[in-house]
């Protein structure tokens, strides 16, 4: 399994730092939805799903968290802690987010608007879909 992490260009001076993201430039798709998670309680795991068509970039813009990536054949854990680094989560990739630091803010850039029918929330069904 190939894990794709994007290193976004940082701009800064004595005033601080800035990262600007543009669709089809820094992000490989049109951004149709942005959401973020924060104040995730200790021990809580999020995600537990895959998408049929949706693509995402996950950026931990503050704090840190871990992402379990599972393509149905192998699993890898990715640590996110840099606000200028994004993890690509493509289609048919089971993912779980966990081990959030108390100050973590995980922002997600998505290629589609919310559509419950795009979600695969049952792991066994996900595995069956992968085998097809």
N, C-alpha and C. Protein backbone atom coordinates (compact mmCIF):
# COMPACT_ATOMS: atom_id res chain seq x y z
N UNK A 1 0.85 -1.17 0.00
CA UNK A 1 0.00 0.00 0.00
C UNK A 1 0.89 1.23 0.00
N UNK A 2 0.57 2.14 -0.88
CA UNK A 2 1.32 3.39 -0.94
C UNK A 2 0.59 4.45 -0.13
N UNK A 3 1.30 5.06 0.79
CA UNK A 3 0.77 6.17 1.58
C UNK A 3 1.25 7.45 0.93
N UNK A 4 0.33 8.35 0.65
CA UNK A 4 0.69 9.61 0.01
C UNK A 4 0.48 10.75 1.01
N UNK A 5 1.59 11.40 1.35
CA UNK A 5 1.54 12.59 2.20
C UNK A 5 1.98 13.78 1.36
N UNK A 6 1.23 14.83 1.42
CA UNK A 6 1.57 16.06 0.72
C UNK A 6 2.28 16.99 1.69
N UNK A 7 3.37 17.60 1.25
CA UNK A 7 4.06 18.63 2.00
C UNK A 7 3.67 19.96 1.35
N UNK A 8 2.87 20.76 2.04
CA UNK A 8 2.39 22.00 1.49
C UNK A 8 3.42 23.11 1.70
N UNK A 9 3.46 24.01 0.74
CA UNK A 9 4.40 25.11 0.80
C UNK A 9 4.03 26.03 1.96
N UNK A 10 5.05 26.39 2.74
CA UNK A 10 4.87 27.29 3.87
C UNK A 10 5.47 28.65 3.53
N UNK A 11 4.81 29.68 3.99
CA UNK A 11 5.32 31.04 3.84
C UNK A 11 5.42 31.61 5.24
N UNK A 12 6.45 32.35 5.50
CA UNK A 12 6.56 32.91 6.83
C UNK A 12 7.62 33.99 6.93
N UNK A 13 7.46 34.76 7.96
CA UNK A 13 8.43 35.78 8.32
C UNK A 13 8.30 36.02 9.82
N UNK A 14 8.74 37.16 10.28
CA UNK A 14 8.70 37.42 11.72
C UNK A 14 7.29 37.55 12.28
N UNK A 15 6.28 37.60 11.41
CA UNK A 15 4.89 37.68 11.86
C UNK A 15 4.28 36.32 12.11
N UNK A 16 4.85 35.26 11.52
CA UNK A 16 4.29 33.91 11.67
C UNK A 16 4.31 33.15 10.36
N UNK A 17 3.52 32.09 10.29
CA UNK A 17 3.51 31.19 9.13
C UNK A 17 2.13 31.16 8.49
N UNK A 18 2.12 30.80 7.19
CA UNK A 18 0.90 30.70 6.42
C UNK A 18 1.03 29.55 5.43
N UNK A 19 -0.02 28.76 5.29
CA UNK A 19 -0.12 27.73 4.27
C UNK A 19 -1.37 28.02 3.47
N UNK A 20 -1.24 28.14 2.15
CA UNK A 20 -2.39 28.36 1.27
C UNK A 20 -2.57 27.12 0.41
N UNK A 21 -3.80 26.65 0.29
CA UNK A 21 -4.09 25.44 -0.47
C UNK A 21 -5.06 25.76 -1.60
N UNK A 22 -4.76 25.25 -2.79
CA UNK A 22 -5.62 25.48 -3.94
C UNK A 22 -5.98 24.14 -4.57
N UNK A 23 -7.26 24.01 -4.94
CA UNK A 23 -7.70 22.78 -5.61
C UNK A 23 -7.00 22.65 -6.95
N UNK A 24 -6.74 21.41 -7.31
CA UNK A 24 -6.04 21.04 -8.54
C UNK A 24 -4.61 21.55 -8.59
N UNK A 25 -4.14 22.17 -7.54
CA UNK A 25 -2.75 22.60 -7.43
C UNK A 25 -2.12 21.83 -6.29
N UNK A 26 -2.36 22.33 -5.09
CA UNK A 26 -1.87 21.66 -3.89
C UNK A 26 -2.72 20.44 -3.55
N UNK A 27 -4.01 20.51 -3.87
CA UNK A 27 -4.97 19.44 -3.61
C UNK A 27 -5.35 18.83 -4.96
N UNK A 28 -5.30 17.49 -5.10
CA UNK A 28 -5.49 16.87 -6.42
C UNK A 28 -6.94 16.72 -6.88
N UNK A 29 -7.86 17.47 -6.28
CA UNK A 29 -9.26 17.38 -6.66
C UNK A 29 -9.95 18.70 -6.34
N UNK A 30 -11.16 18.85 -6.87
CA UNK A 30 -11.98 20.01 -6.53
C UNK A 30 -12.48 19.83 -5.10
N UNK A 31 -12.34 20.85 -4.30
CA UNK A 31 -12.78 20.79 -2.90
C UNK A 31 -14.25 21.19 -2.83
N UNK A 32 -15.09 20.24 -2.42
CA UNK A 32 -16.52 20.51 -2.32
C UNK A 32 -17.01 20.57 -0.88
N UNK A 33 -16.17 20.13 0.05
CA UNK A 33 -16.58 20.13 1.45
C UNK A 33 -15.35 20.24 2.33
N UNK A 34 -15.44 21.02 3.39
CA UNK A 34 -14.39 21.14 4.39
C UNK A 34 -15.04 20.96 5.75
N UNK A 35 -14.45 20.11 6.58
CA UNK A 35 -14.93 19.98 7.95
C UNK A 35 -13.74 19.69 8.86
N UNK A 36 -13.94 19.84 10.15
CA UNK A 36 -12.85 19.56 11.07
C UNK A 36 -13.39 19.01 12.39
N UNK A 37 -12.51 18.26 13.05
CA UNK A 37 -12.83 17.65 14.34
C UNK A 37 -11.94 18.28 15.40
N UNK A 38 -12.49 18.53 16.55
CA UNK A 38 -11.70 19.06 17.66
C UNK A 38 -12.34 18.63 18.97
N UNK A 39 -11.62 18.83 20.06
CA UNK A 39 -12.07 18.40 21.40
C UNK A 39 -12.47 16.94 21.41
N UNK A 40 -11.76 16.12 20.65
CA UNK A 40 -12.02 14.68 20.65
C UNK A 40 -11.54 14.12 21.99
N UNK A 41 -12.41 13.43 22.65
CA UNK A 41 -12.11 12.92 23.99
C UNK A 41 -11.03 11.83 23.94
N UNK A 42 -10.29 11.71 25.02
CA UNK A 42 -9.24 10.70 25.12
C UNK A 42 -9.83 9.30 24.94
N UNK A 43 -9.14 8.50 24.14
CA UNK A 43 -9.56 7.13 23.90
C UNK A 43 -10.60 6.96 22.80
N UNK A 44 -11.12 8.06 22.25
CA UNK A 44 -12.15 7.99 21.21
C UNK A 44 -11.50 7.73 19.85
N UNK A 45 -12.10 6.83 19.08
CA UNK A 45 -11.68 6.57 17.71
C UNK A 45 -12.79 7.06 16.78
N UNK A 46 -12.40 7.66 15.67
CA UNK A 46 -13.35 8.20 14.70
C UNK A 46 -13.16 7.47 13.37
N UNK A 47 -14.08 7.67 12.47
CA UNK A 47 -13.96 7.09 11.14
C UNK A 47 -14.71 5.78 11.04
N UNK A 48 -13.95 4.68 10.98
CA UNK A 48 -14.52 3.33 10.83
C UNK A 48 -15.37 3.24 9.56
N UNK A 49 -14.81 3.70 8.44
CA UNK A 49 -15.52 3.60 7.18
C UNK A 49 -14.56 3.79 6.00
N UNK A 50 -15.09 3.53 4.82
CA UNK A 50 -14.41 3.81 3.56
C UNK A 50 -15.44 4.50 2.66
N UNK A 51 -14.95 5.06 1.57
CA UNK A 51 -15.84 5.73 0.62
C UNK A 51 -15.72 5.08 -0.75
N UNK A 52 -16.83 5.06 -1.44
CA UNK A 52 -16.85 4.50 -2.80
C UNK A 52 -16.22 5.47 -3.81
N UNK A 53 -16.54 6.76 -3.72
CA UNK A 53 -16.05 7.73 -4.71
C UNK A 53 -15.34 8.94 -4.11
N UNK A 54 -15.55 9.21 -2.86
CA UNK A 54 -14.99 10.40 -2.21
C UNK A 54 -13.49 10.27 -2.00
N UNK A 55 -12.76 11.36 -2.27
CA UNK A 55 -11.35 11.47 -1.95
C UNK A 55 -11.20 12.53 -0.87
N UNK A 56 -10.16 12.39 -0.04
CA UNK A 56 -9.97 13.33 1.06
C UNK A 56 -8.50 13.63 1.27
N UNK A 57 -8.24 14.79 1.84
CA UNK A 57 -6.93 15.14 2.39
C UNK A 57 -7.17 15.47 3.86
N UNK A 58 -6.45 14.79 4.76
CA UNK A 58 -6.54 15.02 6.19
C UNK A 58 -5.33 15.83 6.63
N UNK A 59 -5.58 16.92 7.35
CA UNK A 59 -4.51 17.78 7.84
C UNK A 59 -4.74 18.03 9.32
N UNK A 60 -3.79 17.65 10.14
CA UNK A 60 -3.90 17.94 11.57
C UNK A 60 -3.32 19.35 11.76
N UNK A 61 -4.19 20.36 11.72
CA UNK A 61 -3.71 21.73 11.73
C UNK A 61 -3.27 22.20 13.12
N UNK A 62 -3.59 21.40 14.12
CA UNK A 62 -3.09 21.68 15.48
C UNK A 62 -3.05 20.37 16.24
N UNK A 63 -2.02 20.18 17.04
CA UNK A 63 -1.89 18.95 17.81
C UNK A 63 -1.46 17.78 16.94
N UNK A 64 -1.92 16.59 17.33
CA UNK A 64 -1.51 15.38 16.60
C UNK A 64 -2.59 14.30 16.71
N UNK A 65 -2.51 13.35 15.78
CA UNK A 65 -3.38 12.18 15.83
C UNK A 65 -2.76 11.10 14.94
N UNK A 66 -3.33 9.91 15.01
CA UNK A 66 -2.88 8.80 14.18
C UNK A 66 -4.04 8.35 13.31
N UNK A 67 -3.68 7.87 12.12
CA UNK A 67 -4.67 7.39 11.16
C UNK A 67 -4.31 5.96 10.78
N UNK A 68 -5.25 5.05 10.96
CA UNK A 68 -5.08 3.68 10.47
C UNK A 68 -5.62 3.64 9.05
N UNK A 69 -4.76 3.26 8.12
CA UNK A 69 -5.14 3.13 6.71
C UNK A 69 -5.17 1.64 6.39
N UNK A 70 -6.27 1.18 5.78
CA UNK A 70 -6.48 -0.24 5.52
C UNK A 70 -7.10 -0.40 4.14
N UNK A 71 -6.35 -1.00 3.21
CA UNK A 71 -6.88 -1.18 1.85
C UNK A 71 -7.50 -2.57 1.65
N UNK A 72 -7.69 -3.31 2.74
CA UNK A 72 -8.26 -4.64 2.67
C UNK A 72 -7.23 -5.74 2.55
N UNK A 73 -6.00 -5.36 2.24
CA UNK A 73 -4.90 -6.32 2.12
C UNK A 73 -3.81 -6.07 3.14
N UNK A 74 -3.56 -4.80 3.44
CA UNK A 74 -2.57 -4.44 4.45
C UNK A 74 -3.01 -3.19 5.18
N UNK A 75 -2.42 -3.01 6.35
CA UNK A 75 -2.75 -1.87 7.19
C UNK A 75 -1.47 -1.10 7.52
N UNK A 76 -1.60 0.21 7.56
CA UNK A 76 -0.48 1.07 7.95
C UNK A 76 -1.02 2.16 8.86
N UNK A 77 -0.18 2.59 9.78
CA UNK A 77 -0.53 3.68 10.70
C UNK A 77 0.29 4.90 10.30
N UNK A 78 -0.39 6.03 10.18
CA UNK A 78 0.24 7.29 9.80
C UNK A 78 0.05 8.28 10.93
N UNK A 79 1.14 8.93 11.32
CA UNK A 79 1.12 9.93 12.38
C UNK A 79 1.05 11.31 11.73
N UNK A 80 0.08 12.11 12.13
CA UNK A 80 -0.05 13.48 11.63
C UNK A 80 0.17 14.46 12.78
N UNK A 81 1.08 15.42 12.56
CA UNK A 81 1.35 16.42 13.59
C UNK A 81 1.80 17.76 13.03
N UNK A 82 1.94 17.85 11.71
CA UNK A 82 2.44 19.08 11.10
C UNK A 82 1.32 19.77 10.33
N UNK A 83 1.07 21.05 10.58
CA UNK A 83 -0.03 21.75 9.91
C UNK A 83 0.22 22.00 8.43
N UNK A 84 1.39 21.67 7.95
CA UNK A 84 1.71 21.84 6.53
C UNK A 84 1.83 20.49 5.82
N UNK A 85 1.29 19.45 6.43
CA UNK A 85 1.37 18.11 5.86
C UNK A 85 -0.04 17.52 5.77
N UNK A 86 -0.38 16.95 4.62
CA UNK A 86 -1.70 16.37 4.43
C UNK A 86 -1.62 14.92 4.00
N UNK A 87 -2.51 14.10 4.51
CA UNK A 87 -2.58 12.68 4.17
C UNK A 87 -3.71 12.47 3.17
N UNK A 88 -3.38 11.88 2.04
CA UNK A 88 -4.38 11.57 1.03
C UNK A 88 -5.09 10.27 1.40
N UNK A 89 -6.42 10.30 1.43
CA UNK A 89 -7.24 9.11 1.65
C UNK A 89 -8.11 8.95 0.41
N UNK A 90 -7.76 7.99 -0.43
CA UNK A 90 -8.48 7.77 -1.67
C UNK A 90 -9.71 6.90 -1.48
N UNK A 91 -10.31 6.55 -2.60
CA UNK A 91 -11.50 5.71 -2.57
C UNK A 91 -11.15 4.32 -2.08
N UNK A 92 -12.14 3.64 -1.53
CA UNK A 92 -12.01 2.26 -1.05
C UNK A 92 -10.84 2.08 -0.09
N UNK A 93 -10.66 3.05 0.81
CA UNK A 93 -9.62 2.97 1.83
C UNK A 93 -10.30 3.09 3.20
N UNK A 94 -10.35 1.98 3.93
CA UNK A 94 -10.90 2.00 5.28
C UNK A 94 -9.96 2.84 6.13
N UNK A 95 -10.50 3.73 6.94
CA UNK A 95 -9.64 4.57 7.78
C UNK A 95 -10.30 4.83 9.14
N UNK A 96 -9.41 4.92 10.11
CA UNK A 96 -9.82 5.20 11.49
C UNK A 96 -8.85 6.23 12.05
N UNK A 97 -9.38 7.23 12.73
CA UNK A 97 -8.57 8.27 13.34
C UNK A 97 -8.63 8.09 14.85
N UNK A 98 -7.48 8.18 15.50
CA UNK A 98 -7.44 7.93 16.94
C UNK A 98 -6.20 8.57 17.56
N UNK A 99 -6.06 8.38 18.85
CA UNK A 99 -4.92 8.90 19.61
C UNK A 99 -4.76 10.40 19.39
N UNK A 100 -5.88 11.13 19.47
CA UNK A 100 -5.86 12.57 19.31
C UNK A 100 -5.23 13.21 20.54
N UNK A 101 -4.32 14.16 20.32
CA UNK A 101 -3.83 14.94 21.45
C UNK A 101 -4.98 15.82 21.94
N UNK A 102 -4.91 16.29 23.16
CA UNK A 102 -6.02 17.06 23.72
C UNK A 102 -6.29 18.35 22.95
N UNK A 103 -5.29 18.85 22.24
CA UNK A 103 -5.45 20.09 21.49
C UNK A 103 -5.59 19.87 19.98
N UNK A 104 -5.83 18.63 19.56
CA UNK A 104 -5.86 18.31 18.13
C UNK A 104 -7.05 18.93 17.41
N UNK A 105 -6.76 19.45 16.21
CA UNK A 105 -7.79 19.89 15.28
C UNK A 105 -7.44 19.21 13.95
N UNK A 106 -8.30 18.27 13.54
CA UNK A 106 -8.09 17.53 12.29
C UNK A 106 -9.06 18.08 11.25
N UNK A 107 -8.49 18.71 10.21
CA UNK A 107 -9.30 19.28 9.14
C UNK A 107 -9.30 18.32 7.95
N UNK A 108 -10.46 18.19 7.31
CA UNK A 108 -10.62 17.29 6.17
C UNK A 108 -11.12 18.10 4.97
N UNK A 109 -10.41 17.95 3.85
CA UNK A 109 -10.83 18.52 2.57
C UNK A 109 -11.38 17.37 1.75
N UNK A 110 -12.61 17.49 1.29
CA UNK A 110 -13.28 16.39 0.60
C UNK A 110 -13.67 16.77 -0.83
N UNK A 111 -13.63 15.77 -1.70
CA UNK A 111 -13.92 15.98 -3.12
C UNK A 111 -15.41 16.03 -3.44
N UNK A 112 -16.25 15.66 -2.50
CA UNK A 112 -17.70 15.63 -2.72
C UNK A 112 -18.42 16.17 -1.50
N UNK A 113 -19.67 16.57 -1.69
CA UNK A 113 -20.50 16.94 -0.56
C UNK A 113 -20.93 15.65 0.17
N UNK A 114 -21.49 15.82 1.34
CA UNK A 114 -21.89 14.65 2.14
C UNK A 114 -22.95 13.84 1.41
N UNK A 115 -22.73 12.52 1.34
CA UNK A 115 -23.68 11.60 0.73
C UNK A 115 -23.57 10.27 1.48
N UNK A 116 -24.54 9.98 2.32
CA UNK A 116 -24.50 8.76 3.14
C UNK A 116 -24.34 7.51 2.29
N UNK A 117 -24.86 7.48 1.09
CA UNK A 117 -24.77 6.29 0.24
C UNK A 117 -23.34 5.99 -0.21
N UNK A 118 -22.45 6.97 -0.12
CA UNK A 118 -21.06 6.77 -0.51
C UNK A 118 -20.25 6.05 0.58
N UNK A 119 -20.77 6.02 1.79
CA UNK A 119 -20.07 5.43 2.92
C UNK A 119 -20.21 3.91 2.94
N UNK A 120 -19.12 3.23 3.26
CA UNK A 120 -19.14 1.81 3.59
C UNK A 120 -18.77 1.74 5.07
N UNK A 121 -19.75 1.45 5.91
CA UNK A 121 -19.54 1.47 7.36
C UNK A 121 -19.40 0.09 7.97
N UNK A 122 -19.61 -0.94 7.19
CA UNK A 122 -19.48 -2.32 7.67
C UNK A 122 -18.18 -2.89 7.11
N UNK A 123 -17.26 -3.27 7.99
CA UNK A 123 -15.94 -3.71 7.56
C UNK A 123 -16.02 -4.97 6.70
N UNK A 124 -16.88 -5.91 7.04
CA UNK A 124 -17.01 -7.14 6.24
C UNK A 124 -17.51 -6.83 4.83
N UNK A 125 -18.45 -5.91 4.71
CA UNK A 125 -18.93 -5.50 3.39
C UNK A 125 -17.84 -4.80 2.60
N UNK A 126 -17.03 -4.01 3.29
CA UNK A 126 -15.88 -3.35 2.66
C UNK A 126 -14.93 -4.39 2.08
N UNK A 127 -14.63 -5.43 2.85
CA UNK A 127 -13.73 -6.48 2.36
C UNK A 127 -14.30 -7.21 1.15
N UNK A 128 -15.60 -7.44 1.16
CA UNK A 128 -16.25 -8.08 0.00
C UNK A 128 -16.13 -7.20 -1.24
N UNK A 129 -16.32 -5.88 -1.06
CA UNK A 129 -16.23 -4.94 -2.17
C UNK A 129 -14.81 -4.91 -2.73
N UNK A 130 -13.81 -4.98 -1.90
CA UNK A 130 -12.41 -4.97 -2.32
C UNK A 130 -12.09 -6.21 -3.16
N UNK A 131 -12.66 -7.34 -2.80
CA UNK A 131 -12.37 -8.59 -3.50
C UNK A 131 -12.95 -8.63 -4.91
N UNK A 132 -13.96 -7.77 -5.18
CA UNK A 132 -14.59 -7.78 -6.51
C UNK A 132 -13.66 -7.25 -7.57
